[in-house]
Amino acid sequence: TASMQIIAPVTAPAPSPVPVPVAAPAPLPVTSIEPEPGMPIAIPTPRPAYDSVMLRGSMPANGG
């Protein structure tokens, strides 16, 4: 019984990390580069705080 219980939990976590990376490339980074003509998100790079936020990953690149 112990052998069967060990195989079950090993098969569950395996397929879990698979759908995660697949969902990332779905939206494509192109949308983030040019979202709208009046909403510059990846353009304001000279901002010191912007770099800190991006490195942190706590807040969205949009600034909240």
PDB file of N, CA and C in Angstrom:
ATOM      1  N   THR A   1       0.854  -1.206   0.000  1.00  0.00           N
ATOM      2  CA  THR A   1       0.000   0.000   0.000  1.00  0.00           C
ATOM      3  C   THR A   1       0.889   1.256   0.000  1.00  0.00           C
ATOM      4  N   ALA A   2       2.016   1.196   0.720  1.00  0.00           N
ATOM      5  CA  ALA A   2       2.900   2.367   0.803  1.00  0.00           C
ATOM      6  C   ALA A   2       3.474   2.678  -0.580  1.00  0.00           C
ATOM      7  N   SER A   3       3.792   1.646  -1.342  1.00  0.00           N
ATOM      8  CA  SER A   3       4.375   1.849  -2.674  1.00  0.00           C
ATOM      9  C   SER A   3       3.387   2.587  -3.580  1.00  0.00           C
ATOM     10  N   MET A   4       2.127   2.181  -3.550  1.00  0.00           N
ATOM     11  CA  MET A   4       1.101   2.809  -4.405  1.00  0.00           C
ATOM     12  C   MET A   4       0.895   4.275  -4.016  1.00  0.00           C
ATOM     13  N   GLN A   5       0.936   4.562  -2.728  1.00  0.00           N
ATOM     14  CA  GLN A   5       0.699   5.937  -2.254  1.00  0.00           C
ATOM     15  C   GLN A   5       1.817   6.875  -2.719  1.00  0.00           C
ATOM     16  N   ILE A   6       3.011   6.349  -2.875  1.00  0.00           N
ATOM     17  CA  ILE A   6       4.153   7.188  -3.277  1.00  0.00           C
ATOM     18  C   ILE A   6       4.052   7.541  -4.764  1.00  0.00           C
ATOM     19  N   ILE A   7       3.515   6.630  -5.565  1.00  0.00           N
ATOM     20  CA  ILE A   7       3.407   6.860  -7.018  1.00  0.00           C
ATOM     21  C   ILE A   7       2.322   7.897  -7.319  1.00  0.00           C
ATOM     22  N   ALA A   8       1.252   7.888  -6.534  1.00  0.00           N
ATOM     23  CA  ALA A   8       0.126   8.799  -6.786  1.00  0.00           C
ATOM     24  C   ALA A   8       0.553  10.266  -6.656  1.00  0.00           C
ATOM     25  N   PRO A   9       1.190  10.660  -5.552  1.00  0.00           N
ATOM     26  CA  PRO A   9       1.572  12.067  -5.359  1.00  0.00           C
ATOM     27  C   PRO A   9       2.647  12.529  -6.343  1.00  0.00           C
ATOM     28  N   VAL A  10       3.431  11.600  -6.866  1.00  0.00           N
ATOM     29  CA  VAL A  10       4.515  11.975  -7.789  1.00  0.00           C
ATOM     30  C   VAL A  10       3.946  12.313  -9.167  1.00  0.00           C
ATOM     31  N   THR A  11       2.828  11.690  -9.527  1.00  0.00           N
ATOM     32  CA  THR A  11       2.235  11.932 -10.853  1.00  0.00           C
ATOM     33  C   THR A  11       1.422  13.219 -10.855  1.00  0.00           C
ATOM     34  N   ALA A  12       0.917  13.630  -9.694  1.00  0.00           N
ATOM     35  CA  ALA A  12       0.073  14.833  -9.627  1.00  0.00           C
ATOM     36  C   ALA A  12       0.901  16.111  -9.821  1.00  0.00           C
ATOM     37  N   PRO A  13       2.007  16.290  -9.088  1.00  0.00           N
ATOM     38  CA  PRO A  13       2.802  17.523  -9.199  1.00  0.00           C
ATOM     39  C   PRO A  13       3.536  17.641 -10.534  1.00  0.00           C
ATOM     40  N   ALA A  14       3.677  16.545 -11.268  1.00  0.00           N
ATOM     41  CA  ALA A  14       4.399  16.581 -12.545  1.00  0.00           C
ATOM     42  C   ALA A  14       3.644  17.405 -13.596  1.00  0.00           C
ATOM     43  N   PRO A  15       2.375  17.117 -13.861  1.00  0.00           N
ATOM     44  CA  PRO A  15       1.612  17.861 -14.879  1.00  0.00           C
ATOM     45  C   PRO A  15       1.232  19.264 -14.420  1.00  0.00           C
ATOM     46  N   SER A  16       1.411  19.556 -13.152  1.00  0.00           N
ATOM     47  CA  SER A  16       1.036  20.874 -12.610  1.00  0.00           C
ATOM     48  C   SER A  16       1.915  21.988 -13.194  1.00  0.00           C
ATOM     49  N   PRO A  17       3.240  21.863 -13.142  1.00  0.00           N
ATOM     50  CA  PRO A  17       4.132  22.918 -13.645  1.00  0.00           C
ATOM     51  C   PRO A  17       4.124  23.022 -15.168  1.00  0.00           C
ATOM     52  N   VAL A  18       3.483  22.099 -15.851  1.00  0.00           N
ATOM     53  CA  VAL A  18       3.457  22.122 -17.325  1.00  0.00           C
ATOM     54  C   VAL A  18       2.529  23.217 -17.853  1.00  0.00           C
ATOM     55  N   PRO A  19       1.290  23.311 -17.368  1.00  0.00           N
ATOM     56  CA  PRO A  19       0.343  24.330 -17.868  1.00  0.00           C
ATOM     57  C   PRO A  19       0.734  25.747 -17.461  1.00  0.00           C
ATOM     58  N   VAL A  20       1.616  25.881 -16.495  1.00  0.00           N
ATOM     59  CA  VAL A  20       2.013  27.219 -16.029  1.00  0.00           C
ATOM     60  C   VAL A  20       2.830  27.957 -17.096  1.00  0.00           C
ATOM     61  N   PRO A  21       3.909  27.369 -17.610  1.00  0.00           N
ATOM     62  CA  PRO A  21       4.726  28.059 -18.630  1.00  0.00           C
ATOM     63  C   PRO A  21       3.990  28.199 -19.951  1.00  0.00           C
ATOM     64  N   VAL A  22       3.028  27.334 -20.211  1.00  0.00           N
ATOM     65  CA  VAL A  22       2.287  27.373 -21.481  1.00  0.00           C
ATOM     66  C   VAL A  22       1.361  28.581 -21.505  1.00  0.00           C
ATOM     67  N   ALA A  23       0.889  29.006 -20.328  1.00  0.00           N
ATOM     68  CA  ALA A  23      -0.051  30.134 -20.256  1.00  0.00           C
ATOM     69  C   ALA A  23       0.707  31.452 -20.394  1.00  0.00           C
ATOM     70  N   ALA A  24       2.004  31.454 -20.102  1.00  0.00           N
ATOM     71  CA  ALA A  24       2.792  32.695 -20.166  1.00  0.00           C
ATOM     72  C   ALA A  24       2.956  33.180 -21.613  1.00  0.00           C
ATOM     73  N   PRO A  25       3.396  32.336 -22.536  1.00  0.00           N
ATOM     74  CA  PRO A  25       3.590  32.772 -23.934  1.00  0.00           C
ATOM     75  C   PRO A  25       2.273  32.993 -24.673  1.00  0.00           C
ATOM     76  N   ALA A  26       1.165  32.668 -24.054  1.00  0.00           N
ATOM     77  CA  ALA A  26      -0.142  32.827 -24.707  1.00  0.00           C
ATOM     78  C   ALA A  26      -0.442  34.294 -25.026  1.00  0.00           C
ATOM     79  N   PRO A  27      -0.294  35.197 -24.040  1.00  0.00           N
ATOM     80  CA  PRO A  27      -0.619  36.619 -24.272  1.00  0.00           C
ATOM     81  C   PRO A  27       0.403  37.309 -25.176  1.00  0.00           C
ATOM     82  N   LEU A  28       1.577  36.698 -25.354  1.00  0.00           N
ATOM     83  CA  LEU A  28       2.621  37.279 -26.198  1.00  0.00           C
ATOM     84  C   LEU A  28       3.144  38.596 -25.623  1.00  0.00           C
ATOM     85  N   PRO A  29       4.462  38.801 -25.671  1.00  0.00           N
ATOM     86  CA  PRO A  29       5.069  40.027 -25.121  1.00  0.00           C
ATOM     87  C   PRO A  29       4.808  41.243 -26.006  1.00  0.00           C
ATOM     88  N   VAL A  30       4.336  41.013 -27.226  1.00  0.00           N
ATOM     89  CA  VAL A  30       4.074  42.124 -28.163  1.00  0.00           C
ATOM     90  C   VAL A  30       3.015  43.052 -27.580  1.00  0.00           C
ATOM     91  N   THR A  31       2.007  42.466 -26.903  1.00  0.00           N
ATOM     92  CA  THR A  31       0.919  43.293 -26.354  1.00  0.00           C
ATOM     93  C   THR A  31       1.468  44.212 -25.260  1.00  0.00           C
ATOM     94  N   SER A  32       2.497  43.749 -24.561  1.00  0.00           N
ATOM     95  CA  SER A  32       3.048  44.552 -23.461  1.00  0.00           C
ATOM     96  C   SER A  32       3.888  45.705 -24.019  1.00  0.00           C
ATOM     97  N   ILE A  33       4.493  45.493 -25.181  1.00  0.00           N
ATOM     98  CA  ILE A  33       5.371  46.513 -25.776  1.00  0.00           C
ATOM     99  C   ILE A  33       4.536  47.678 -26.323  1.00  0.00           C
ATOM    100  N   GLU A  34       3.507  47.374 -27.110  1.00  0.00           N
ATOM    101  CA  GLU A  34       2.647  48.450 -27.637  1.00  0.00           C
ATOM    102  C   GLU A  34       1.191  48.177 -27.272  1.00  0.00           C
ATOM    103  N   PRO A  35       0.808  48.543 -26.057  1.00  0.00           N
ATOM    104  CA  PRO A  35      -0.559  48.335 -25.578  1.00  0.00           C
ATOM    105  C   PRO A  35      -1.543  49.274 -26.253  1.00  0.00           C
ATOM    106  N   GLU A  36      -1.261  50.567 -26.196  1.00  0.00           N
ATOM    107  CA  GLU A  36      -2.146  51.567 -26.817  1.00  0.00           C
ATOM    108  C   GLU A  36      -1.360  52.832 -27.135  1.00  0.00           C
ATOM    109  N   PRO A  37      -1.835  53.637 -28.075  1.00  0.00           N
ATOM    110  CA  PRO A  37      -1.111  54.857 -28.477  1.00  0.00           C
ATOM    111  C   PRO A  37      -1.058  55.902 -27.363  1.00  0.00           C
ATOM    112  N   GLY A  38      -1.875  55.756 -26.341  1.00  0.00           N
ATOM    113  CA  GLY A  38      -1.907  56.746 -25.259  1.00  0.00           C
ATOM    114  C   GLY A  38      -1.586  56.127 -23.918  1.00  0.00           C
ATOM    115  N   MET A  39      -1.030  54.913 -23.948  1.00  0.00           N
ATOM    116  CA  MET A  39      -0.715  54.249 -22.671  1.00  0.00           C
ATOM    117  C   MET A  39       0.699  53.681 -22.713  1.00  0.00           C
ATOM    118  N   PRO A  40       1.716  54.529 -22.665  1.00  0.00           N
ATOM    119  CA  PRO A  40       3.116  54.080 -22.684  1.00  0.00           C
ATOM    120  C   PRO A  40       3.499  53.368 -21.397  1.00  0.00           C
ATOM    121  N   ILE A  41       3.698  52.050 -21.466  1.00  0.00           N
ATOM    122  CA  ILE A  41       4.023  51.286 -20.258  1.00  0.00           C
ATOM    123  C   ILE A  41       5.520  50.945 -20.236  1.00  0.00           C
ATOM    124  N   ALA A  42       6.013  50.352 -21.311  1.00  0.00           N
ATOM    125  CA  ALA A  42       7.419  49.940 -21.360  1.00  0.00           C
ATOM    126  C   ALA A  42       8.305  51.064 -21.885  1.00  0.00           C
ATOM    127  N   ILE A  43       7.736  52.252 -22.101  1.00  0.00           N
ATOM    128  CA  ILE A  43       8.517  53.381 -22.627  1.00  0.00           C
ATOM    129  C   ILE A  43       9.199  54.161 -21.497  1.00  0.00           C
ATOM    130  N   PRO A  44       8.512  54.448 -20.391  1.00  0.00           N
ATOM    131  CA  PRO A  44       9.126  55.203 -19.289  1.00  0.00           C
ATOM    132  C   PRO A  44      10.177  54.380 -18.551  1.00  0.00           C
ATOM    133  N   THR A  45      11.344  54.184 -19.184  1.00  0.00           N
ATOM    134  CA  THR A  45      12.406  53.401 -18.549  1.00  0.00           C
ATOM    135  C   THR A  45      13.370  54.272 -17.746  1.00  0.00           C
ATOM    136  N   PRO A  46      13.547  55.553 -18.100  1.00  0.00           N
ATOM    137  CA  PRO A  46      14.489  56.409 -17.365  1.00  0.00           C
ATOM    138  C   PRO A  46      14.060  56.669 -15.928  1.00  0.00           C
ATOM    139  N   ARG A  47      12.973  56.071 -15.500  1.00  0.00           N
ATOM    140  CA  ARG A  47      12.500  56.307 -14.127  1.00  0.00           C
ATOM    141  C   ARG A  47      13.255  55.381 -13.170  1.00  0.00           C
ATOM    142  N   PRO A  48      13.890  55.916 -12.126  1.00  0.00           N
ATOM    143  CA  PRO A  48      14.631  55.095 -11.161  1.00  0.00           C
ATOM    144  C   PRO A  48      13.709  54.156 -10.390  1.00  0.00           C
ATOM    145  N   ALA A  49      12.530  54.636 -10.033  1.00  0.00           N
ATOM    146  CA  ALA A  49      11.589  53.823  -9.265  1.00  0.00           C
ATOM    147  C   ALA A  49      11.060  52.687 -10.141  1.00  0.00           C
ATOM    148  N   TYR A  50      10.923  52.945 -11.429  1.00  0.00           N
ATOM    149  CA  TYR A  50      10.400  51.943 -12.364  1.00  0.00           C
ATOM    150  C   TYR A  50      11.281  50.694 -12.340  1.00  0.00           C
ATOM    151  N   ASP A  51      12.596  50.918 -12.378  1.00  0.00           N
ATOM    152  CA  ASP A  51      13.537  49.799 -12.364  1.00  0.00           C
ATOM    153  C   ASP A  51      13.382  48.993 -11.076  1.00  0.00           C
ATOM    154  N   SER A  52      13.244  49.694  -9.956  1.00  0.00           N
ATOM    155  CA  SER A  52      13.125  49.039  -8.654  1.00  0.00           C
ATOM    156  C   SER A  52      11.874  48.164  -8.623  1.00  0.00           C
ATOM    157  N   VAL A  53      10.779  48.702  -9.132  1.00  0.00           N
ATOM    158  CA  VAL A  53       9.510  47.955  -9.115  1.00  0.00           C
ATOM    159  C   VAL A  53       9.625  46.716  -9.990  1.00  0.00           C
ATOM    160  N   MET A  54      10.232  46.881 -11.154  1.00  0.00           N
ATOM    161  CA  MET A  54      10.353  45.752 -12.088  1.00  0.00           C
ATOM    162  C   MET A  54      11.215  44.640 -11.478  1.00  0.00           C
ATOM    163  N   LEU A  55      12.302  45.044 -10.822  1.00  0.00           N
ATOM    164  CA  LEU A  55      13.201  44.067 -10.209  1.00  0.00           C
ATOM    165  C   LEU A  55      12.502  43.363  -9.049  1.00  0.00           C
ATOM    166  N   ARG A  56      11.683  44.131  -8.337  1.00  0.00           N
ATOM    167  CA  ARG A  56      10.986  43.581  -7.177  1.00  0.00           C
ATOM    168  C   ARG A  56       9.950  42.543  -7.631  1.00  0.00           C
ATOM    169  N   GLY A  57       9.105  42.915  -8.569  1.00  0.00           N
ATOM    170  CA  GLY A  57       8.086  41.981  -9.031  1.00  0.00           C
ATOM    171  C   GLY A  57       6.861  42.018  -8.144  1.00  0.00           C
ATOM    172  N   SER A  58       6.857  42.892  -7.116  1.00  0.00           N
ATOM    173  CA  SER A  58       5.717  42.980  -6.201  1.00  0.00           C
ATOM    174  C   SER A  58       4.565  43.732  -6.867  1.00  0.00           C
ATOM    175  N   MET A  59       4.921  44.848  -7.548  1.00  0.00           N
ATOM    176  CA  MET A  59       3.885  45.659  -8.201  1.00  0.00           C
ATOM    177  C   MET A  59       3.941  45.458  -9.712  1.00  0.00           C
ATOM    178  N   PRO A  60       2.835  45.685 -10.412  1.00  0.00           N
ATOM    179  CA  PRO A  60       2.784  45.534 -11.872  1.00  0.00           C
ATOM    180  C   PRO A  60       3.601  46.610 -12.577  1.00  0.00           C
ATOM    181  N   ALA A  61       4.069  46.321 -13.785  1.00  0.00           N
ATOM    182  CA  ALA A  61       4.882  47.282 -14.531  1.00  0.00           C
ATOM    183  C   ALA A  61       4.080  48.536 -14.840  1.00  0.00           C
ATOM    184  N   ASN A  62       2.758  48.427 -14.822  1.00  0.00           N
ATOM    185  CA  ASN A  62       1.905  49.577 -15.141  1.00  0.00           C
ATOM    186  C   ASN A  62       1.974  50.621 -14.025  1.00  0.00           C
ATOM    187  N   GLY A  63       2.462  50.226 -12.836  1.00  0.00           N
ATOM    188  CA  GLY A  63       2.542  51.159 -11.722  1.00  0.00           C
ATOM    189  C   GLY A  63       1.313  51.064 -10.837  1.00  0.00           C
ATOM    190  N   GLY A  64       0.564  49.994 -10.972  1.00  0.00           N
ATOM    191  CA  GLY A  64      -0.599  49.828 -10.111  1.00  0.00           C
ATOM    192  C   GLY A  64      -1.846  50.198 -10.861  1.00  0.00           C
TER     193      GLY A  64
END
